[in-house]
């Protein structure tokens, strides 16, 4: 099933599923209307 990996909230706080914590980072550029997922390791 599709699963949630992480969230970026309105205040730019973030939360992640345990399996990706410390490896994945979500960010956003509101001007570009783009959300990013940086995936390391």
ModelCIF file with pLDDT and N, C-alpha, C, O atoms, coordinates in Angstrom:
data_MODEL
#
_entry.id   MODEL 
#
_entity.id                         1 
_entity.type                       polymer 
_entity.pdbx_number_of_molecules   1 
#
_entity_poly.entity_id                      1 
_entity_poly.type                           'polypeptide(L)' 
_entity_poly.nstd_linkage                   no 
_entity_poly.nstd_monomer                   no 
_entity_poly.pdbx_seq_one_letter_code       
;(UNK)(UNK)(UNK)(UNK)(UNK)(UNK)(UNK)(UNK)(UNK)(UNK)(UNK)(UNK)(UNK)(UNK)(UNK)(UNK)
(UNK)(UNK)(UNK)(UNK)(UNK)(UNK)(UNK)(UNK)(UNK)(UNK)(UNK)(UNK)(UNK)(UNK)(UNK)(UNK)
(UNK)(UNK)(UNK)(UNK)(UNK)(UNK)(UNK)(UNK)(UNK)
;
_entity_poly.pdbx_seq_one_letter_code_can   XXXXXXXXXXXXXXXXXXXXXXXXXXXXXXXXXXXXXXXXX 
_entity_poly.pdbx_strand_id                 A 
#
loop_
_entity_poly_seq.entity_id 
_entity_poly_seq.num 
_entity_poly_seq.mon_id 
_entity_poly_seq.hetero 
1 1  UNK n 
1 2  UNK n 
1 3  UNK n 
1 4  UNK n 
1 5  UNK n 
1 6  UNK n 
1 7  UNK n 
1 8  UNK n 
1 9  UNK n 
1 10 UNK n 
1 11 UNK n 
1 12 UNK n 
1 13 UNK n 
1 14 UNK n 
1 15 UNK n 
1 16 UNK n 
1 17 UNK n 
1 18 UNK n 
1 19 UNK n 
1 20 UNK n 
1 21 UNK n 
1 22 UNK n 
1 23 UNK n 
1 24 UNK n 
1 25 UNK n 
1 26 UNK n 
1 27 UNK n 
1 28 UNK n 
1 29 UNK n 
1 30 UNK n 
1 31 UNK n 
1 32 UNK n 
1 33 UNK n 
1 34 UNK n 
1 35 UNK n 
1 36 UNK n 
1 37 UNK n 
1 38 UNK n 
1 39 UNK n 
1 40 UNK n 
1 41 UNK n 
#
_struct_asym.id          A 
_struct_asym.entity_id   1 
#
loop_
_ma_qa_metric.id 
_ma_qa_metric.mode 
_ma_qa_metric.name 
_ma_qa_metric.software_group_id 
_ma_qa_metric.type 
1 global pLDDT . pLDDT 
2 local  pLDDT . pLDDT 
#
_ma_qa_metric_global.metric_id      1 
_ma_qa_metric_global.metric_value   96.83 
_ma_qa_metric_global.model_id       1 
_ma_qa_metric_global.ordinal_id     1 
#
loop_
_ma_qa_metric_local.label_asym_id 
_ma_qa_metric_local.label_comp_id 
_ma_qa_metric_local.label_seq_id 
_ma_qa_metric_local.metric_id 
_ma_qa_metric_local.metric_value 
_ma_qa_metric_local.model_id 
_ma_qa_metric_local.ordinal_id 
A UNK 1  2 96.00 1 1  
A UNK 2  2 96.00 1 2  
A UNK 3  2 97.00 1 3  
A UNK 4  2 97.00 1 4  
A UNK 5  2 98.00 1 5  
A UNK 6  2 98.00 1 6  
A UNK 7  2 98.00 1 7  
A UNK 8  2 97.00 1 8  
A UNK 9  2 96.00 1 9  
A UNK 10 2 95.00 1 10 
A UNK 11 2 94.00 1 11 
A UNK 12 2 94.00 1 12 
A UNK 13 2 97.00 1 13 
A UNK 14 2 98.00 1 14 
A UNK 15 2 97.00 1 15 
A UNK 16 2 98.00 1 16 
A UNK 17 2 97.00 1 17 
A UNK 18 2 97.00 1 18 
A UNK 19 2 97.00 1 19 
A UNK 20 2 98.00 1 20 
A UNK 21 2 98.00 1 21 
A UNK 22 2 97.00 1 22 
A UNK 23 2 98.00 1 23 
A UNK 24 2 98.00 1 24 
A UNK 25 2 98.00 1 25 
A UNK 26 2 98.00 1 26 
A UNK 27 2 97.00 1 27 
A UNK 28 2 96.00 1 28 
A UNK 29 2 95.00 1 29 
A UNK 30 2 93.00 1 30 
A UNK 31 2 94.00 1 31 
A UNK 32 2 95.00 1 32 
A UNK 33 2 95.00 1 33 
A UNK 34 2 97.00 1 34 
A UNK 35 2 98.00 1 35 
A UNK 36 2 98.00 1 36 
A UNK 37 2 98.00 1 37 
A UNK 38 2 98.00 1 38 
A UNK 39 2 98.00 1 39 
A UNK 40 2 98.00 1 40 
A UNK 41 2 98.00 1 41 
#
loop_
_atom_site.group_PDB 
_atom_site.id 
_atom_site.type_symbol 
_atom_site.label_atom_id 
_atom_site.label_alt_id 
_atom_site.label_comp_id 
_atom_site.label_asym_id 
_atom_site.label_entity_id 
_atom_site.label_seq_id 
_atom_site.pdbx_PDB_ins_code 
_atom_site.Cartn_x 
_atom_site.Cartn_y 
_atom_site.Cartn_z 
_atom_site.occupancy 
_atom_site.B_iso_or_equiv 
_atom_site.pdbx_formal_charge 
_atom_site.auth_seq_id 
_atom_site.auth_comp_id 
_atom_site.auth_asym_id 
_atom_site.auth_atom_id 
_atom_site.pdbx_PDB_model_num 
ATOM 1   N N  . UNK A 1 1  ? 0.834  -1.192 0.000  1.00 96.00 ? 1  UNK A N  1 
ATOM 2   C CA . UNK A 1 1  ? 0.000  0.000  0.000  1.00 96.00 ? 1  UNK A CA 1 
ATOM 3   C C  . UNK A 1 1  ? 0.874  1.250  0.000  1.00 96.00 ? 1  UNK A C  1 
ATOM 4   O O  . UNK A 1 1  ? 2.027  1.229  0.430  1.00 96.00 ? 1  UNK A O  1 
ATOM 5   N N  . UNK A 1 2  ? 0.297  2.319  -0.488 1.00 96.00 ? 2  UNK A N  1 
ATOM 6   C CA . UNK A 1 2  ? 0.987  3.598  -0.444 1.00 96.00 ? 2  UNK A CA 1 
ATOM 7   C C  . UNK A 1 2  ? 1.155  4.017  1.015  1.00 96.00 ? 2  UNK A C  1 
ATOM 8   O O  . UNK A 1 2  ? 0.228  3.895  1.816  1.00 96.00 ? 2  UNK A O  1 
ATOM 9   N N  . UNK A 1 3  ? 2.343  4.511  1.349  1.00 97.00 ? 3  UNK A N  1 
ATOM 10  C CA . UNK A 1 3  ? 2.600  4.931  2.715  1.00 97.00 ? 3  UNK A CA 1 
ATOM 11  C C  . UNK A 1 3  ? 3.140  6.352  2.746  1.00 97.00 ? 3  UNK A C  1 
ATOM 12  O O  . UNK A 1 3  ? 3.797  6.813  1.813  1.00 97.00 ? 3  UNK A O  1 
ATOM 13  N N  . UNK A 1 4  ? 2.845  7.027  3.843  1.00 97.00 ? 4  UNK A N  1 
ATOM 14  C CA . UNK A 1 4  ? 3.378  8.372  4.049  1.00 97.00 ? 4  UNK A CA 1 
ATOM 15  C C  . UNK A 1 4  ? 4.836  8.268  4.476  1.00 97.00 ? 4  UNK A C  1 
ATOM 16  O O  . UNK A 1 4  ? 5.165  7.535  5.409  1.00 97.00 ? 4  UNK A O  1 
ATOM 17  N N  . UNK A 1 5  ? 5.690  8.991  3.805  1.00 98.00 ? 5  UNK A N  1 
ATOM 18  C CA . UNK A 1 5  ? 7.112  9.006  4.132  1.00 98.00 ? 5  UNK A CA 1 
ATOM 19  C C  . UNK A 1 5  ? 7.439  10.164 5.076  1.00 98.00 ? 5  UNK A C  1 
ATOM 20  O O  . UNK A 1 5  ? 8.177  9.999  6.048  1.00 98.00 ? 5  UNK A O  1 
ATOM 21  N N  . UNK A 1 6  ? 6.894  11.302 4.782  1.00 98.00 ? 6  UNK A N  1 
ATOM 22  C CA . UNK A 1 6  ? 7.163  12.474 5.614  1.00 98.00 ? 6  UNK A CA 1 
ATOM 23  C C  . UNK A 1 6  ? 6.257  13.622 5.254  1.00 98.00 ? 6  UNK A C  1 
ATOM 24  O O  . UNK A 1 6  ? 5.595  13.613 4.215  1.00 98.00 ? 6  UNK A O  1 
ATOM 25  N N  . UNK A 1 7  ? 6.234  14.615 6.127  1.00 98.00 ? 7  UNK A N  1 
ATOM 26  C CA . UNK A 1 7  ? 5.351  15.764 5.990  1.00 98.00 ? 7  UNK A CA 1 
ATOM 27  C C  . UNK A 1 7  ? 6.122  17.039 6.258  1.00 98.00 ? 7  UNK A C  1 
ATOM 28  O O  . UNK A 1 7  ? 6.987  17.082 7.133  1.00 98.00 ? 7  UNK A O  1 
ATOM 29  N N  . UNK A 1 8  ? 5.804  18.079 5.499  1.00 97.00 ? 8  UNK A N  1 
ATOM 30  C CA . UNK A 1 8  ? 6.266  19.415 5.835  1.00 97.00 ? 8  UNK A CA 1 
ATOM 31  C C  . UNK A 1 8  ? 5.018  20.234 6.133  1.00 97.00 ? 8  UNK A C  1 
ATOM 32  O O  . UNK A 1 8  ? 4.115  20.350 5.304  1.00 97.00 ? 8  UNK A O  1 
ATOM 33  N N  . UNK A 1 9  ? 4.989  20.792 7.326  1.00 96.00 ? 9  UNK A N  1 
ATOM 34  C CA . UNK A 1 9  ? 3.812  21.515 7.782  1.00 96.00 ? 9  UNK A CA 1 
ATOM 35  C C  . UNK A 1 9  ? 3.874  22.975 7.348  1.00 96.00 ? 9  UNK A C  1 
ATOM 36  O O  . UNK A 1 9  ? 4.868  23.437 6.787  1.00 96.00 ? 9  UNK A O  1 
ATOM 37  N N  . UNK A 1 10 ? 2.788  23.685 7.624  1.00 95.00 ? 10 UNK A N  1 
ATOM 38  C CA . UNK A 1 10 ? 2.678  25.076 7.188  1.00 95.00 ? 10 UNK A CA 1 
ATOM 39  C C  . UNK A 1 10 ? 3.810  25.926 7.773  1.00 95.00 ? 10 UNK A C  1 
ATOM 40  O O  . UNK A 1 10 ? 4.289  26.857 7.125  1.00 95.00 ? 10 UNK A O  1 
ATOM 41  N N  . UNK A 1 11 ? 4.232  25.604 8.995  1.00 94.00 ? 11 UNK A N  1 
ATOM 42  C CA . UNK A 1 11 ? 5.312  26.359 9.629  1.00 94.00 ? 11 UNK A CA 1 
ATOM 43  C C  . UNK A 1 11 ? 6.694  25.823 9.261  1.00 94.00 ? 11 UNK A C  1 
ATOM 44  O O  . UNK A 1 11 ? 7.700  26.222 9.846  1.00 94.00 ? 11 UNK A O  1 
ATOM 45  N N  . UNK A 1 12 ? 6.730  24.918 8.288  1.00 94.00 ? 12 UNK A N  1 
ATOM 46  C CA . UNK A 1 12 ? 7.952  24.290 7.794  1.00 94.00 ? 12 UNK A CA 1 
ATOM 47  C C  . UNK A 1 12 ? 8.557  23.276 8.764  1.00 94.00 ? 12 UNK A C  1 
ATOM 48  O O  . UNK A 1 12 ? 9.658  22.775 8.535  1.00 94.00 ? 12 UNK A O  1 
ATOM 49  N N  . UNK A 1 13 ? 7.852  22.980 9.825  1.00 97.00 ? 13 UNK A N  1 
ATOM 50  C CA . UNK A 1 13 ? 8.257  21.845 10.645 1.00 97.00 ? 13 UNK A CA 1 
ATOM 51  C C  . UNK A 1 13 ? 8.078  20.583 9.818  1.00 97.00 ? 13 UNK A C  1 
ATOM 52  O O  . UNK A 1 13 ? 7.253  20.541 8.905  1.00 97.00 ? 13 UNK A O  1 
ATOM 53  N N  . UNK A 1 14 ? 8.851  19.560 10.140 1.00 98.00 ? 14 UNK A N  1 
ATOM 54  C CA . UNK A 1 14 ? 8.776  18.327 9.365  1.00 98.00 ? 14 UNK A CA 1 
ATOM 55  C C  . UNK A 1 14 ? 8.634  17.122 10.286 1.00 98.00 ? 14 UNK A C  1 
ATOM 56  O O  . UNK A 1 14 ? 8.972  17.170 11.468 1.00 98.00 ? 14 UNK A O  1 
ATOM 57  N N  . UNK A 1 15 ? 8.132  16.060 9.716  1.00 97.00 ? 15 UNK A N  1 
ATOM 58  C CA . UNK A 1 15 ? 7.986  14.797 10.439 1.00 97.00 ? 15 UNK A CA 1 
ATOM 59  C C  . UNK A 1 15 ? 8.201  13.667 9.445  1.00 97.00 ? 15 UNK A C  1 
ATOM 60  O O  . UNK A 1 15 ? 7.875  13.802 8.266  1.00 97.00 ? 15 UNK A O  1 
ATOM 61  N N  . UNK A 1 16 ? 8.746  12.560 9.916  1.00 98.00 ? 16 UNK A N  1 
ATOM 62  C CA . UNK A 1 16 ? 9.101  11.459 9.033  1.00 98.00 ? 16 UNK A CA 1 
ATOM 63  C C  . UNK A 1 16 ? 8.736  10.121 9.652  1.00 98.00 ? 16 UNK A C  1 
ATOM 64  O O  . UNK A 1 16 ? 8.681  9.972  10.872 1.00 98.00 ? 16 UNK A O  1 
ATOM 65  N N  . UNK A 1 17 ? 8.491  9.163  8.790  1.00 97.00 ? 17 UNK A N  1 
ATOM 66  C CA . UNK A 1 17 ? 8.317  7.801  9.272  1.00 97.00 ? 17 UNK A CA 1 
ATOM 67  C C  . UNK A 1 17 ? 9.666  7.318  9.798  1.00 97.00 ? 17 UNK A C  1 
ATOM 68  O O  . UNK A 1 17 ? 10.715 7.745  9.316  1.00 97.00 ? 17 UNK A O  1 
ATOM 69  N N  . UNK A 1 18 ? 9.632  6.434  10.782 1.00 97.00 ? 18 UNK A N  1 
ATOM 70  C CA . UNK A 1 18 ? 10.872 6.024  11.457 1.00 97.00 ? 18 UNK A CA 1 
ATOM 71  C C  . UNK A 1 18 ? 11.910 5.463  10.497 1.00 97.00 ? 18 UNK A C  1 
ATOM 72  O O  . UNK A 1 18 ? 13.110 5.654  10.695 1.00 97.00 ? 18 UNK A O  1 
ATOM 73  N N  . UNK A 1 19 ? 11.458 4.775  9.466  1.00 97.00 ? 19 UNK A N  1 
ATOM 74  C CA . UNK A 1 19 ? 12.404 4.104  8.570  1.00 97.00 ? 19 UNK A CA 1 
ATOM 75  C C  . UNK A 1 19 ? 13.262 5.069  7.758  1.00 97.00 ? 19 UNK A C  1 
ATOM 76  O O  . UNK A 1 19 ? 14.276 4.655  7.196  1.00 97.00 ? 19 UNK A O  1 
ATOM 77  N N  . UNK A 1 20 ? 12.883 6.344  7.683  1.00 98.00 ? 20 UNK A N  1 
ATOM 78  C CA . UNK A 1 20 ? 13.673 7.295  6.898  1.00 98.00 ? 20 UNK A CA 1 
ATOM 79  C C  . UNK A 1 20 ? 14.239 8.427  7.742  1.00 98.00 ? 20 UNK A C  1 
ATOM 80  O O  . UNK A 1 20 ? 14.967 9.276  7.227  1.00 98.00 ? 20 UNK A O  1 
ATOM 81  N N  . UNK A 1 21 ? 13.924 8.451  9.006  1.00 98.00 ? 21 UNK A N  1 
ATOM 82  C CA . UNK A 1 21 ? 14.424 9.524  9.868  1.00 98.00 ? 21 UNK A CA 1 
ATOM 83  C C  . UNK A 1 21 ? 15.947 9.562  9.847  1.00 98.00 ? 21 UNK A C  1 
ATOM 84  O O  . UNK A 1 21 ? 16.614 8.531  9.934  1.00 98.00 ? 21 UNK A O  1 
ATOM 85  N N  . UNK A 1 22 ? 16.478 10.774 9.730  1.00 97.00 ? 22 UNK A N  1 
ATOM 86  C CA . UNK A 1 22 ? 17.921 10.947 9.672  1.00 97.00 ? 22 UNK A CA 1 
ATOM 87  C C  . UNK A 1 22 ? 18.508 10.755 8.289  1.00 97.00 ? 22 UNK A C  1 
ATOM 88  O O  . UNK A 1 22 ? 19.682 11.053 8.072  1.00 97.00 ? 22 UNK A O  1 
ATOM 89  N N  . UNK A 1 23 ? 17.712 10.262 7.343  1.00 98.00 ? 23 UNK A N  1 
ATOM 90  C CA . UNK A 1 23 ? 18.194 10.052 5.976  1.00 98.00 ? 23 UNK A CA 1 
ATOM 91  C C  . UNK A 1 23 ? 17.471 10.936 4.967  1.00 98.00 ? 23 UNK A C  1 
ATOM 92  O O  . UNK A 1 23 ? 18.076 11.389 3.995  1.00 98.00 ? 23 UNK A O  1 
ATOM 93  N N  . UNK A 1 24 ? 16.199 11.183 5.185  1.00 98.00 ? 24 UNK A N  1 
ATOM 94  C CA . UNK A 1 24 ? 15.378 11.956 4.248  1.00 98.00 ? 24 UNK A CA 1 
ATOM 95  C C  . UNK A 1 24 ? 15.067 13.322 4.835  1.00 98.00 ? 24 UNK A C  1 
ATOM 96  O O  . UNK A 1 24 ? 14.895 13.471 6.045  1.00 98.00 ? 24 UNK A O  1 
ATOM 97  N N  . UNK A 1 25 ? 14.996 14.312 3.962  1.00 98.00 ? 25 UNK A N  1 
ATOM 98  C CA . UNK A 1 25 ? 14.664 15.670 4.375  1.00 98.00 ? 25 UNK A CA 1 
ATOM 99  C C  . UNK A 1 25 ? 13.697 16.282 3.371  1.00 98.00 ? 25 UNK A C  1 
ATOM 100 O O  . UNK A 1 25 ? 13.939 16.270 2.164  1.00 98.00 ? 25 UNK A O  1 
ATOM 101 N N  . UNK A 1 26 ? 12.601 16.816 3.889  1.00 98.00 ? 26 UNK A N  1 
ATOM 102 C CA . UNK A 1 26 ? 11.620 17.498 3.043  1.00 98.00 ? 26 UNK A CA 1 
ATOM 103 C C  . UNK A 1 26 ? 11.809 19.005 3.192  1.00 98.00 ? 26 UNK A C  1 
ATOM 104 O O  . UNK A 1 26 ? 12.031 19.519 4.288  1.00 98.00 ? 26 UNK A O  1 
ATOM 105 N N  . UNK A 1 27 ? 11.716 19.687 2.072  1.00 97.00 ? 27 UNK A N  1 
ATOM 106 C CA . UNK A 1 27 ? 11.762 21.146 2.085  1.00 97.00 ? 27 UNK A CA 1 
ATOM 107 C C  . UNK A 1 27 ? 10.814 21.651 1.007  1.00 97.00 ? 27 UNK A C  1 
ATOM 108 O O  . UNK A 1 27 ? 10.289 20.879 0.205  1.00 97.00 ? 27 UNK A O  1 
ATOM 109 N N  . UNK A 1 28 ? 10.608 22.951 1.006  1.00 96.00 ? 28 UNK A N  1 
ATOM 110 C CA . UNK A 1 28 ? 9.734  23.503 -0.019 1.00 96.00 ? 28 UNK A CA 1 
ATOM 111 C C  . UNK A 1 28 ? 10.204 24.894 -0.419 1.00 96.00 ? 28 UNK A C  1 
ATOM 112 O O  . UNK A 1 28 ? 10.821 25.622 0.358  1.00 96.00 ? 28 UNK A O  1 
ATOM 113 N N  . UNK A 1 29 ? 9.885  25.230 -1.666 1.00 95.00 ? 29 UNK A N  1 
ATOM 114 C CA . UNK A 1 29 ? 10.102 26.573 -2.184 1.00 95.00 ? 29 UNK A CA 1 
ATOM 115 C C  . UNK A 1 29 ? 8.737  27.085 -2.613 1.00 95.00 ? 29 UNK A C  1 
ATOM 116 O O  . UNK A 1 29 ? 8.238  26.737 -3.684 1.00 95.00 ? 29 UNK A O  1 
ATOM 117 N N  . UNK A 1 30 ? 8.144  27.907 -1.773 1.00 93.00 ? 30 UNK A N  1 
ATOM 118 C CA . UNK A 1 30 ? 6.772  28.344 -2.048 1.00 93.00 ? 30 UNK A CA 1 
ATOM 119 C C  . UNK A 1 30 ? 6.689  29.173 -3.330 1.00 93.00 ? 30 UNK A C  1 
ATOM 120 O O  . UNK A 1 30 ? 5.700  29.088 -4.059 1.00 93.00 ? 30 UNK A O  1 
ATOM 121 N N  . UNK A 1 31 ? 7.703  29.961 -3.604 1.00 94.00 ? 31 UNK A N  1 
ATOM 122 C CA . UNK A 1 31 ? 7.682  30.788 -4.814 1.00 94.00 ? 31 UNK A CA 1 
ATOM 123 C C  . UNK A 1 31 ? 7.681  29.915 -6.068 1.00 94.00 ? 31 UNK A C  1 
ATOM 124 O O  . UNK A 1 31 ? 7.047  30.254 -7.067 1.00 94.00 ? 31 UNK A O  1 
ATOM 125 N N  . UNK A 1 32 ? 8.381  28.811 -6.009 1.00 95.00 ? 32 UNK A N  1 
ATOM 126 C CA . UNK A 1 32 ? 8.429  27.890 -7.148 1.00 95.00 ? 32 UNK A CA 1 
ATOM 127 C C  . UNK A 1 32 ? 7.333  26.850 -7.094 1.00 95.00 ? 32 UNK A C  1 
ATOM 128 O O  . UNK A 1 32 ? 7.213  26.021 -7.996 1.00 95.00 ? 32 UNK A O  1 
ATOM 129 N N  . UNK A 1 33 ? 6.531  26.887 -6.040 1.00 95.00 ? 33 UNK A N  1 
ATOM 130 C CA . UNK A 1 33 ? 5.454  25.893 -5.853 1.00 95.00 ? 33 UNK A CA 1 
ATOM 131 C C  . UNK A 1 33 ? 6.011  24.478 -5.953 1.00 95.00 ? 33 UNK A C  1 
ATOM 132 O O  . UNK A 1 33 ? 5.423  23.609 -6.596 1.00 95.00 ? 33 UNK A O  1 
ATOM 133 N N  . UNK A 1 34 ? 7.131  24.266 -5.320 1.00 97.00 ? 34 UNK A N  1 
ATOM 134 C CA . UNK A 1 34 ? 7.811  22.983 -5.415 1.00 97.00 ? 34 UNK A CA 1 
ATOM 135 C C  . UNK A 1 34 ? 8.169  22.469 -4.029 1.00 97.00 ? 34 UNK A C  1 
ATOM 136 O O  . UNK A 1 34 ? 8.636  23.212 -3.165 1.00 97.00 ? 34 UNK A O  1 
ATOM 137 N N  . UNK A 1 35 ? 7.939  21.191 -3.849 1.00 98.00 ? 35 UNK A N  1 
ATOM 138 C CA . UNK A 1 35 ? 8.308  20.493 -2.627 1.00 98.00 ? 35 UNK A CA 1 
ATOM 139 C C  . UNK A 1 35 ? 9.408  19.503 -2.988 1.00 98.00 ? 35 UNK A C  1 
ATOM 140 O O  . UNK A 1 35 ? 9.352  18.847 -4.028 1.00 98.00 ? 35 UNK A O  1 
ATOM 141 N N  . UNK A 1 36 ? 10.406 19.403 -2.119 1.00 98.00 ? 36 UNK A N  1 
ATOM 142 C CA . UNK A 1 36 ? 11.552 18.546 -2.390 1.00 98.00 ? 36 UNK A CA 1 
ATOM 143 C C  . UNK A 1 36 ? 11.644 17.424 -1.361 1.00 98.00 ? 36 UNK A C  1 
ATOM 144 O O  . UNK A 1 36 ? 11.191 17.550 -0.223 1.00 98.00 ? 36 UNK A O  1 
ATOM 145 N N  . UNK A 1 37 ? 12.246 16.326 -1.801 1.00 98.00 ? 37 UNK A N  1 
ATOM 146 C CA . UNK A 1 37 ? 12.572 15.227 -0.897 1.00 98.00 ? 37 UNK A CA 1 
ATOM 147 C C  . UNK A 1 37 ? 14.030 14.852 -1.160 1.00 98.00 ? 37 UNK A C  1 
ATOM 148 O O  . UNK A 1 37 ? 14.357 14.236 -2.175 1.00 98.00 ? 37 UNK A O  1 
ATOM 149 N N  . UNK A 1 38 ? 14.887 15.235 -0.234 1.00 98.00 ? 38 UNK A N  1 
ATOM 150 C CA . UNK A 1 38 ? 16.290 14.854 -0.314 1.00 98.00 ? 38 UNK A CA 1 
ATOM 151 C C  . UNK A 1 38 ? 16.451 13.511 0.373  1.00 98.00 ? 38 UNK A C  1 
ATOM 152 O O  . UNK A 1 38 ? 16.130 13.359 1.552  1.00 98.00 ? 38 UNK A O  1 
ATOM 153 N N  . UNK A 1 39 ? 16.947 12.548 -0.371 1.00 98.00 ? 39 UNK A N  1 
ATOM 154 C CA . UNK A 1 39 ? 17.086 11.189 0.143  1.00 98.00 ? 39 UNK A CA 1 
ATOM 155 C C  . UNK A 1 39 ? 18.556 10.812 0.147  1.00 98.00 ? 39 UNK A C  1 
ATOM 156 O O  . UNK A 1 39 ? 19.188 10.728 -0.906 1.00 98.00 ? 39 UNK A O  1 
ATOM 157 N N  . UNK A 1 40 ? 19.088 10.589 1.319  1.00 98.00 ? 40 UNK A N  1 
ATOM 158 C CA . UNK A 1 40 ? 20.485 10.194 1.474  1.00 98.00 ? 40 UNK A CA 1 
ATOM 159 C C  . UNK A 1 40 ? 20.574 8.771  2.006  1.00 98.00 ? 40 UNK A C  1 
ATOM 160 O O  . UNK A 1 40 ? 19.607 8.230  2.543  1.00 98.00 ? 40 UNK A O  1 
ATOM 161 N N  . UNK A 1 41 ? 21.747 8.179  1.846  1.00 98.00 ? 41 UNK A N  1 
ATOM 162 C CA . UNK A 1 41 ? 21.983 6.830  2.364  1.00 98.00 ? 41 UNK A CA 1 
ATOM 163 C C  . UNK A 1 41 ? 20.864 5.879  1.958  1.00 98.00 ? 41 UNK A C  1 
ATOM 164 O O  . UNK A 1 41 ? 20.899 4.699  2.307  1.00 98.00 ? 41 UNK A O  1 
#
